[in-house]
Amino acid sequence: MSENATRKLRLESEEICRAIELPRIPEREIKIEVTDFQDIAGVLNDALLQCSGAGGGKVIVPPGRYRCSGPVKMQQATELHLSEGCFIKFSPAPSLYLPPVSTRWGGVEIINYSPMSYGPNITDAALTGKGVLSGGRETWGTFVELQTPARSRSHTLQESGIPVEERIFGEGCYMRPSMVQFHRCERVLIEDITCVDAPLWVIHPLFSSHVTIRGVYVDSMYVCNDGIDVDSCSDVLIEKCHFRNGDDAVVVKSGRDADGRRVNMPSRRIVVRECVFHECLHGFAIGSELSGGAEDIWVYDIRMENIRMQAISFKSCPGRGGVIQNIHIGDIEIGRTGDHAISIVSEYVDKFIGDERTCYRNFELLNIHCSYAENGFHLEGSEAFPLENILISNVVVDEAPVLCTGKKFTGTLEFRNVFMNGKEITCSSL
């Protein structure tokens, strides 16, 4: 495939990358003194607080296996460094992650269990090193079958306009927390760590800007274990990461329905590059909680090995709203996907709340090769917002039993050099 087709895409993304600021961490170092199998929650949180109070620096956890009875609270101007050979196992006891804190769950702002590593309202923070964080999924996993009433209540509260501070969840509500979350932060670095067995979403930057996630390995195969959820964030770089997880590898979100429109904070200026999706449910996705919109996103040099459903997925439904625009995807290698190679959906779920529709416009999907897809494409705009200025170019699917499962309201959709099962496919031939 032609390199010229994606050269402009790469140059544009470099402008975004150069503008992303890394955290400013002083050179001071504190190495905590701990022993194997010690509960390090108190020692670690005290060291982070002390380091930040002294002006910031690096807190180093030495090699060893440790327990952590509750969340680690990240601090201003401080780097938590997990040395190679460090393994931290968070306690699976939910009561240790109380009192509840401000977060977003399924696109709705609520007060819920604290994430295991939680950075609220700070600037210049880093979580680095080749150590491992383990999330204690053995207890949280039992919550999946019990969370439905609380999840429904969160939807009712946001639809009714109940203030966020009154949306109290936590104990008895069975809403699992994210594993690593930076909430309303600026200049964040997450680098080289390994995350395993998360309760819910693994890495969840929320309402944050200037976020760099580099060299991270995710191995977490449970229900809703998204690898990285970029949620109403701006100026984000994700690169050289590896994913083996139970849901989306990398997904961009911006809030659900009325609550997302209330916050009105799109995810924008995001670059995802040079990553490997070893095994996951979906590869790269935007949605389905995208009511605040998403724009100016570049995704390239991605290898997807085994995707159980959609490799490249844009998903919304009536009630969401939002504008998804200026999306640039190129140089993607897909091994096998159990559903679609490329999917754009406007009716992702059966239950709709409201009439707001999502606008998809100004996409380019270039230089994509897929060895096998159960279904080639799904291309679905809405009557209110047909697909607008969508270019699919230099795309080859070697084998696909079904070319396209749905095609409606395609508006200005253009195919160039698209081949499936050895034959050229045009938009009109689907």
Foldseek 3Di string as FASTA:
>chain_A
DDPVVCPVVVVVLVVLQVPQDAFDADADEAEFDDAAAEACQVVQQVVQVVQVVVPGHEYEYEAHEYEHAAAREHAASYEYEYEPNYEYEYALDQVRQDPFDWDAAPQFTATEGHARYEYEQYERYEYYYQYEYEANQPNLVVLPVVQVVLVVVSVVCLVVVPDRVPRYDYPPNSRFDEHAEYELYENYEYYNYEYEAHSAAHYEYENYESYEYYNYEYHYADPRHADYEDELYESYEYENYEYDYNAEPYEYAQGFFSNSVVVLRAYESYEYEHYEYEEYQEYYEYDDHHLSAYEHYEYEHYEYEEHAEEHYYYDYEARRAYEYEHYEYEHYEAEEYAAEPEEYYFHRDDDHDHGHTYAAEHYEHYHYEYAEHQEYYEQDGDPVHQYYHYEYENYEYCEYPHHYDYDDSNYPYFYYNYYYVRHDDTPVRD
